[in-house]
């Protein structure tokens, strides 16, 4: 395979996307209530190394898979096959779990979709194939825990290939693309996840519209005293939880208005820089009412409140098993948080820091320095590294 050297992707760039934590609005956003979401400083990085003697695109995706090999000439066929499977899913002929048969397919589908829309970064003489090579990633985000891991790797891949294509698209278009591609994973692409990974910072999502949480055009920051706790990967999928809630509570308009009231009050408190323990505690009660808070998570929240804080699940939770995914904690006293977590040593936890940047590019040299710094400082984390 021959390529034009001037069109070869440069390998000194890394694309990075943050993960997300939902502050309020999981489940209720489906019924028109607002959701508040924070992009966090747990990242997914994606980079590319050309291998010009090859005719394939290799993947090496950290904690996602052992890697796959995709013939370049077959990318269009894969895209069409996945689109066909999604159409069957929409008709009720195929379960959502059978659309993506390999974890890496979602990322390769993203690339294949981009290549349909834009010119390719390198071409075979007389053809239109992308440059062969190895697409790699690393991620701080636990899979299946509700921290936006699939949206993050889609967003980072998009930004990287935009760079290769010399075609930077708007954040709004990226937002729409992330939702479109992520539909293969969840049946419907999440506006909440897409907002966090693309725009960064704190955002409000309502009726699929995104707006920054701001005070007179000043971005609101959470500050200290916020934490996320990984209780374990839920036994129930997001789809199962959403379906269960719809069966039991879907028509309860007053309930969803209560969720909306809590989200609005929480946003007001955040903008004012005021205490928001009451709003988080009320949010927890509502989530418990709809049956998505497991018993261990409920006991944990009780202990947090007894210690003077507040906590709630962040994400779909679970309707079965012991694990609830992520729990969001507000605790002003860091030492009290450390003492509390000593009783829950099987769970990983960390301070919640907002990432004001959404998906973006940076130099590979910077990535290497940051990676070494993370390893050197890993013993100073609040939690064991099992959440990575």
Protein backbone atom coordinates (compact mmCIF):
# COMPACT_ATOMS: atom_id res chain seq x y z
CA UNK A 1 0.00 0.00 0.00
CA UNK A 2 1.34 3.40 -0.94
CA UNK A 3 0.45 6.68 0.69
CA UNK A 4 1.12 10.34 0.22
CA UNK A 5 3.63 11.28 2.96
CA UNK A 6 2.07 14.71 3.34
CA UNK A 7 -1.28 13.10 4.21
CA UNK A 8 0.00 10.64 6.78
CA UNK A 9 -1.37 11.09 10.32
CA UNK A 10 1.14 12.64 12.69
CA UNK A 11 1.72 10.39 15.70
CA UNK A 12 2.70 13.09 18.22
CA UNK A 13 -0.88 13.99 19.13
CA UNK A 14 -3.14 12.40 21.72
CA UNK A 15 -6.87 12.98 21.98
CA UNK A 16 -8.32 13.16 25.48
CA UNK A 17 -11.88 13.10 26.74
CA UNK A 18 -13.14 13.40 30.33
CA UNK A 19 -15.60 11.09 32.02
CA UNK A 20 -18.74 12.24 33.78
CA UNK A 21 -20.61 12.23 37.07
CA UNK A 22 -24.33 13.00 37.20
CA UNK A 23 -25.15 15.37 40.05
CA UNK A 24 -28.90 15.12 39.58
CA UNK A 25 -31.42 13.94 37.01
CA UNK A 26 -30.57 10.31 36.29
CA UNK A 27 -33.80 8.56 35.25
CA UNK A 28 -35.91 11.73 35.56
CA UNK A 29 -34.25 13.30 32.51
CA UNK A 30 -36.11 10.68 30.46
CA UNK A 31 -39.38 12.28 31.61
CA UNK A 32 -38.46 15.88 30.82
CA UNK A 33 -36.76 16.87 34.07
CA UNK A 34 -33.37 18.60 33.91
CA UNK A 35 -30.15 16.75 34.59
CA UNK A 36 -26.98 18.30 36.01
CA UNK A 37 -23.74 16.65 34.91
CA UNK A 38 -20.07 17.31 35.63
CA UNK A 39 -17.15 16.39 33.38
CA UNK A 40 -14.45 14.99 35.68
CA UNK A 41 -10.69 14.64 35.59
CA UNK A 42 -10.79 10.91 34.90
CA UNK A 43 -9.81 10.63 31.26
CA UNK A 44 -9.71 8.41 28.22
CA UNK A 45 -6.75 9.02 25.88
CA UNK A 46 -6.58 7.80 22.28
CA UNK A 47 -3.58 7.91 19.91
CA UNK A 48 -2.47 6.45 16.59
CA UNK A 49 0.75 5.02 15.19
CA UNK A 50 0.97 4.49 11.40
CA UNK A 51 2.12 1.06 10.22
CA UNK A 52 2.50 1.56 6.50
CA UNK A 53 3.54 -1.97 5.61
CA UNK A 54 0.21 -3.22 6.89
CA UNK A 55 -3.27 -3.32 5.36
CA UNK A 56 -5.16 -3.32 8.65
CA UNK A 57 -6.22 -1.12 11.52
CA UNK A 58 -5.16 -2.68 14.81
CA UNK A 59 -6.66 -1.76 18.16
CA UNK A 60 -5.03 -1.77 21.58
CA UNK A 61 -7.60 -0.36 23.97
CA UNK A 62 -6.22 -0.61 27.48
CA UNK A 63 -8.82 -2.08 29.81
CA UNK A 64 -11.45 -2.48 27.09
CA UNK A 65 -10.18 -5.53 25.17
CA UNK A 66 -7.17 -7.58 24.17
CA UNK A 67 -7.16 -5.86 20.78
CA UNK A 68 -8.66 -6.62 17.39
CA UNK A 69 -7.57 -6.45 13.75
CA UNK A 70 -9.78 -4.74 11.14
CA UNK A 71 -8.92 -4.98 7.42
CA UNK A 72 -9.11 -1.47 6.00
CA UNK A 73 -11.18 -2.53 3.02
CA UNK A 74 -13.79 -4.00 5.39
CA UNK A 75 -14.52 -0.86 7.44
CA UNK A 76 -17.44 0.11 5.23
CA UNK A 77 -18.89 -3.38 5.53
CA UNK A 78 -18.65 -3.22 9.33
CA UNK A 79 -20.41 0.15 9.39
CA UNK A 80 -23.24 -1.16 7.23
CA UNK A 81 -23.55 -4.36 9.27
CA UNK A 82 -23.88 -2.42 12.53
CA UNK A 83 -26.39 0.00 11.03
CA UNK A 84 -28.43 -3.00 9.84
CA UNK A 85 -28.31 -4.59 13.30
CA UNK A 86 -29.49 -1.35 14.89
CA UNK A 87 -32.39 -1.21 12.46
CA UNK A 88 -33.35 -4.74 13.52
CA UNK A 89 -33.10 -3.66 17.16
CA UNK A 90 -35.49 -0.76 16.50
CA UNK A 91 -37.96 -3.24 14.97
CA UNK A 92 -37.74 -5.48 18.02
CA UNK A 93 -35.96 -8.22 16.11
CA UNK A 94 -32.61 -8.07 17.94
CA UNK A 95 -31.63 -7.35 21.56
CA UNK A 96 -29.38 -4.36 22.09
CA UNK A 97 -26.63 -6.60 23.49
CA UNK A 98 -26.20 -8.28 20.08
CA UNK A 99 -25.46 -5.15 18.04
CA UNK A 100 -21.83 -4.79 19.14
CA UNK A 101 -20.23 -8.24 19.21
CA UNK A 102 -16.74 -6.94 20.06
CA UNK A 103 -16.00 -4.04 22.44
CA UNK A 104 -13.73 -2.35 19.88
CA UNK A 105 -16.47 -2.27 17.23
CA UNK A 106 -17.94 0.94 18.64
CA UNK A 107 -14.72 2.89 18.07
CA UNK A 108 -14.11 1.45 14.61
CA UNK A 109 -17.71 2.28 13.70
CA UNK A 110 -17.03 5.89 14.74
CA UNK A 111 -14.03 6.03 12.40
CA UNK A 112 -15.93 4.39 9.55
CA UNK A 113 -18.74 6.91 9.95
CA UNK A 114 -16.32 9.84 9.87
CA UNK A 115 -14.68 8.49 6.73
CA UNK A 116 -18.04 8.44 4.97
CA UNK A 117 -18.51 12.13 5.73
CA UNK A 118 -14.99 13.52 5.26
CA UNK A 119 -11.97 12.76 3.03
CA UNK A 120 -9.58 10.14 4.40
CA UNK A 121 -6.23 10.98 6.03
CA UNK A 122 -4.21 8.91 3.58
CA UNK A 123 -5.14 7.25 0.34
CA UNK A 124 -4.13 4.28 -1.66
CA UNK A 125 -3.37 5.26 -5.23
CA UNK A 126 -6.68 5.05 -7.04
CA UNK A 127 -8.50 4.11 -3.84
CA UNK A 128 -9.86 5.63 -0.67
CA UNK A 129 -8.55 3.68 2.29
CA UNK A 130 -7.37 5.25 5.58
CA UNK A 131 -3.77 4.83 6.62
CA UNK A 132 -3.09 1.48 8.31
CA UNK A 133 -1.75 1.47 11.83
CA UNK A 134 -2.42 0.88 15.50
CA UNK A 135 -5.11 2.80 17.35
CA UNK A 136 -4.47 2.70 21.10
CA UNK A 137 -6.10 4.01 24.23
CA UNK A 138 -5.80 4.12 27.99
CA UNK A 139 -8.56 5.06 30.39
CA UNK A 140 -9.11 5.99 34.02
CA UNK A 141 -12.82 5.22 33.62
CA UNK A 142 -14.22 1.91 34.88
CA UNK A 143 -16.36 0.20 32.26
CA UNK A 144 -20.08 -0.14 32.92
CA UNK A 145 -20.06 2.01 36.07
CA UNK A 146 -21.96 5.01 34.70
CA UNK A 147 -18.98 7.33 34.21
CA UNK A 148 -19.37 7.77 30.45
CA UNK A 149 -16.61 5.42 29.28
CA UNK A 150 -18.18 4.64 25.89
CA UNK A 151 -19.02 8.30 25.15
CA UNK A 152 -15.48 9.32 26.17
CA UNK A 153 -13.71 6.95 23.80
CA UNK A 154 -16.03 7.93 20.95
CA UNK A 155 -15.36 11.64 21.57
CA UNK A 156 -11.59 11.19 21.81
CA UNK A 157 -11.50 9.11 18.63
CA UNK A 158 -13.51 11.74 16.78
CA UNK A 159 -11.18 14.56 17.85
CA UNK A 160 -8.10 12.55 16.86
CA UNK A 161 -9.43 11.73 13.39
CA UNK A 162 -10.62 15.29 12.86
CA UNK A 163 -6.98 16.26 13.34
CA UNK A 164 -5.83 13.67 10.80
CA UNK A 165 -8.50 14.74 8.34
CA UNK A 166 -7.71 18.43 8.76
CA UNK A 167 -11.41 18.98 9.37
CA UNK A 168 -12.32 20.40 12.79
CA UNK A 169 -16.04 20.23 13.39
CA UNK A 170 -18.11 22.23 15.87
CA UNK A 171 -18.78 21.07 19.42
CA UNK A 172 -22.48 20.88 18.60
CA UNK A 173 -21.77 18.52 15.70
CA UNK A 174 -19.47 16.43 17.91
CA UNK A 175 -22.24 16.27 20.50
CA UNK A 176 -24.67 14.96 17.90
CA UNK A 177 -22.12 12.46 16.54
CA UNK A 178 -21.34 11.03 19.96
CA UNK A 179 -25.04 10.45 20.58
CA UNK A 180 -25.46 8.90 17.13
CA UNK A 181 -22.58 6.46 17.54
CA UNK A 182 -23.37 5.61 21.16
CA UNK A 183 -26.87 4.49 20.22
CA UNK A 184 -25.29 1.15 19.23
CA UNK A 185 -24.28 0.64 22.86
CA UNK A 186 -27.43 1.74 24.68
CA UNK A 187 -30.20 1.89 22.09
CA UNK A 188 -30.34 5.67 22.39
CA UNK A 189 -27.34 7.97 22.69
CA UNK A 190 -27.28 9.83 25.99
CA UNK A 191 -27.42 13.62 25.77
CA UNK A 192 -26.08 13.74 29.34
CA UNK A 193 -22.96 11.70 28.54
CA UNK A 194 -22.35 13.54 25.28
CA UNK A 195 -22.66 16.94 26.99
CA UNK A 196 -19.99 16.06 29.56
CA UNK A 197 -17.42 14.57 27.20
CA UNK A 198 -17.78 17.26 24.53
CA UNK A 199 -18.34 20.50 26.44
CA UNK A 200 -16.60 19.79 29.76
CA UNK A 201 -17.40 21.68 32.98
CA UNK A 202 -20.83 21.67 34.64
CA UNK A 203 -23.83 21.45 32.35
CA UNK A 204 -27.59 21.32 32.50
CA UNK A 205 -29.34 18.99 30.04
CA UNK A 206 -33.05 19.36 29.46
CA UNK A 207 -35.08 18.12 26.49
CA UNK A 208 -31.76 17.25 24.78
CA UNK A 209 -30.63 20.89 25.03
CA UNK A 210 -27.37 21.69 26.80
CA UNK A 211 -26.50 24.84 28.72
CA UNK A 212 -23.55 25.62 30.96
CA UNK A 213 -24.22 26.07 34.67
CA UNK A 214 -23.03 29.65 35.04
CA UNK A 215 -23.32 32.65 37.34
CA UNK A 216 -23.44 35.80 35.20
CA UNK A 217 -21.32 34.14 32.50
CA UNK A 218 -18.89 32.80 35.10
CA UNK A 219 -18.51 29.02 35.10
CA UNK A 220 -19.53 27.46 38.39
CA UNK A 221 -16.98 25.20 40.07
CA UNK A 222 -17.88 22.56 42.64
CA UNK A 223 -14.88 23.27 44.85
CA UNK A 224 -13.60 20.86 47.49
CA UNK A 225 -15.55 18.30 49.46
CA UNK A 226 -17.01 16.28 46.60
CA UNK A 227 -16.16 12.61 46.03
CA UNK A 228 -17.11 9.68 43.85
CA UNK A 229 -17.22 6.13 45.19
CA UNK A 230 -17.21 3.03 42.99
CA UNK A 231 -19.42 0.44 44.70
CA UNK A 232 -18.92 -2.09 41.91
CA UNK A 233 -20.35 -2.70 38.45
CA UNK A 234 -24.17 -3.04 38.64
CA UNK A 235 -25.71 -6.44 37.94
CA UNK A 236 -28.52 -4.76 35.98
CA UNK A 237 -27.88 -2.85 32.78
CA UNK A 238 -28.94 0.75 32.29
CA UNK A 239 -31.65 -0.47 29.91
CA UNK A 240 -33.04 -2.90 32.49
CA UNK A 241 -33.18 -0.19 35.15
CA UNK A 242 -34.83 2.33 32.84
CA UNK A 243 -37.43 -0.26 31.75
CA UNK A 244 -38.21 -1.21 35.36
CA UNK A 245 -38.66 2.41 36.41
CA UNK A 246 -40.89 3.05 33.40
CA UNK A 247 -43.15 0.10 34.29
CA UNK A 248 -43.52 1.11 37.92
CA UNK A 249 -43.40 4.92 37.81
CA UNK A 250 -43.45 6.12 34.21
CA UNK A 251 -46.87 7.76 34.47
CA UNK A 252 -46.30 9.45 37.84
CA UNK A 253 -46.04 13.06 36.69
CA UNK A 254 -45.89 14.38 40.26
CA UNK A 255 -42.86 12.20 40.99
CA UNK A 256 -40.93 13.48 37.99
CA UNK A 257 -41.83 17.04 38.93
CA UNK A 258 -40.30 16.37 42.35
CA UNK A 259 -37.12 15.25 40.65
CA UNK A 260 -37.14 18.41 38.53
CA UNK A 261 -37.66 20.59 41.62
CA UNK A 262 -34.65 18.98 43.31
CA UNK A 263 -32.42 19.47 40.27
CA UNK A 264 -33.45 23.11 39.93
CA UNK A 265 -32.87 23.76 43.64
CA UNK A 266 -29.47 22.06 43.48
CA UNK A 267 -28.45 24.23 40.54
CA UNK A 268 -29.52 27.36 42.41
CA UNK A 269 -27.46 26.33 45.43
CA UNK A 270 -24.40 25.59 43.31
CA UNK A 271 -24.61 28.97 41.57
CA UNK A 272 -25.01 30.74 44.90
CA UNK A 273 -22.09 28.83 46.41
CA UNK A 274 -24.46 27.68 49.15
CA UNK A 275 -24.80 24.38 51.00
CA UNK A 276 -26.63 21.70 49.00
CA UNK A 277 -26.82 18.80 51.45
CA UNK A 278 -30.61 19.02 51.68
CA UNK A 279 -31.07 18.77 47.93
CA UNK A 280 -28.75 15.76 47.63
CA UNK A 281 -30.51 13.99 50.50
CA UNK A 282 -33.89 14.58 48.93
CA UNK A 283 -32.56 13.33 45.59
CA UNK A 284 -31.42 10.13 47.32
CA UNK A 285 -34.90 9.60 48.79
CA UNK A 286 -36.48 9.93 45.37
CA UNK A 287 -34.02 7.49 43.78
CA UNK A 288 -34.65 5.02 46.61
CA UNK A 289 -38.37 5.36 45.98
CA UNK A 290 -38.03 4.28 42.34
CA UNK A 291 -36.05 1.21 43.37
CA UNK A 292 -32.60 1.75 41.86
CA UNK A 293 -30.55 2.03 45.08
CA UNK A 294 -29.18 -1.31 46.28
CA UNK A 295 -29.15 -2.22 49.96
CA UNK A 296 -25.38 -1.77 50.46
CA UNK A 297 -25.54 1.65 48.80
CA UNK A 298 -28.47 2.60 50.99
CA UNK A 299 -26.55 1.65 54.15
CA UNK A 300 -23.55 3.60 52.90
CA UNK A 301 -25.64 6.73 52.28
CA UNK A 302 -27.07 6.40 55.80
CA UNK A 303 -23.53 6.40 57.20
CA UNK A 304 -22.58 9.43 55.09
CA UNK A 305 -25.57 11.37 56.41
CA UNK A 306 -24.81 10.32 59.99
CA UNK A 307 -21.30 11.74 59.49
CA UNK A 308 -22.74 15.08 58.41
CA UNK A 309 -22.65 14.64 54.63
CA UNK A 310 -24.97 13.68 51.82
CA UNK A 311 -24.79 11.07 49.06
CA UNK A 312 -26.76 9.61 46.18
CA UNK A 313 -26.16 7.20 43.33
CA UNK A 314 -24.85 8.77 40.13
CA UNK A 315 -26.15 6.90 37.12
CA UNK A 316 -28.77 4.25 36.57
CA UNK A 317 -28.05 2.39 39.81
CA UNK A 318 -29.32 -1.18 39.85
CA UNK A 319 -32.55 -3.07 40.41
CA UNK A 320 -30.75 -6.24 41.52
CA UNK A 321 -27.54 -7.35 43.19
CA UNK A 322 -25.40 -5.39 45.63
CA UNK A 323 -23.53 -2.97 43.35
CA UNK A 324 -24.95 0.44 42.45
CA UNK A 325 -22.12 1.73 40.27
CA UNK A 326 -21.05 5.23 41.30
CA UNK A 327 -22.18 7.04 44.44
CA UNK A 328 -21.71 10.81 44.62
CA UNK A 329 -20.72 12.11 48.06
CA UNK A 330 -20.71 15.63 49.50
CA UNK A 331 -18.65 15.76 52.69
CA UNK A 332 -17.07 18.97 53.95
CA UNK A 333 -14.65 17.19 56.30
CA UNK A 334 -12.02 15.24 54.36
CA UNK A 335 -10.80 13.43 57.46
CA UNK A 336 -14.36 12.32 58.19
CA UNK A 337 -14.58 10.99 54.64
CA UNK A 338 -11.35 9.01 55.12
CA UNK A 339 -12.63 7.53 58.38
CA UNK A 340 -15.91 6.60 56.74
CA UNK A 341 -14.26 4.90 53.78
CA UNK A 342 -12.06 2.85 56.11
CA UNK A 343 -15.24 0.92 56.87
CA UNK A 344 -15.85 0.37 53.15
CA UNK A 345 -12.34 -0.59 52.11
CA UNK A 346 -13.61 -2.87 49.34
CA UNK A 347 -14.79 0.20 47.41
CA UNK A 348 -12.60 2.60 45.46
CA UNK A 349 -13.05 6.33 45.90
CA UNK A 350 -11.53 9.62 44.89
CA UNK A 351 -12.01 13.36 45.17
CA UNK A 352 -14.25 14.71 42.42
CA UNK A 353 -12.50 17.37 40.36
CA UNK A 354 -14.26 19.00 37.44
CA UNK A 355 -12.58 19.01 34.03
CA UNK A 356 -13.43 22.31 32.37
CA UNK A 357 -12.20 21.01 29.00
CA UNK A 358 -14.16 18.57 26.89
CA UNK A 359 -12.57 16.31 24.29
CA UNK A 360 -9.38 17.89 22.95
CA UNK A 361 -5.89 17.27 21.51
CA UNK A 362 -2.53 17.58 23.21
CA UNK A 363 1.06 16.54 22.54
CA UNK A 364 2.11 12.95 23.12
CA UNK A 365 5.14 14.18 25.07
CA UNK A 366 2.80 15.88 27.52
CA UNK A 367 0.81 12.65 27.83
CA UNK A 368 3.94 10.67 28.65
CA UNK A 369 4.95 13.15 31.36
CA UNK A 370 1.46 13.11 32.90
CA UNK A 371 1.35 9.31 32.78
CA UNK A 372 4.66 9.05 34.66
CA UNK A 373 3.43 11.61 37.19
CA UNK A 374 0.27 9.57 37.79
CA UNK A 375 2.29 6.43 38.43
CA UNK A 376 4.68 8.27 40.75
CA UNK A 377 1.84 9.80 42.71
CA UNK A 378 -0.51 6.83 42.74
CA UNK A 379 0.12 6.11 46.43
CA UNK A 380 -1.38 9.50 47.28
CA UNK A 381 -4.79 8.76 45.79
CA UNK A 382 -7.75 8.55 48.13
CA UNK A 383 -8.54 5.11 46.77
CA UNK A 384 -6.90 1.92 45.56
CA UNK A 385 -6.25 1.83 41.83
CA UNK A 386 -8.93 -0.80 41.22
CA UNK A 387 -11.21 1.87 39.76
CA UNK A 388 -8.91 2.34 36.81
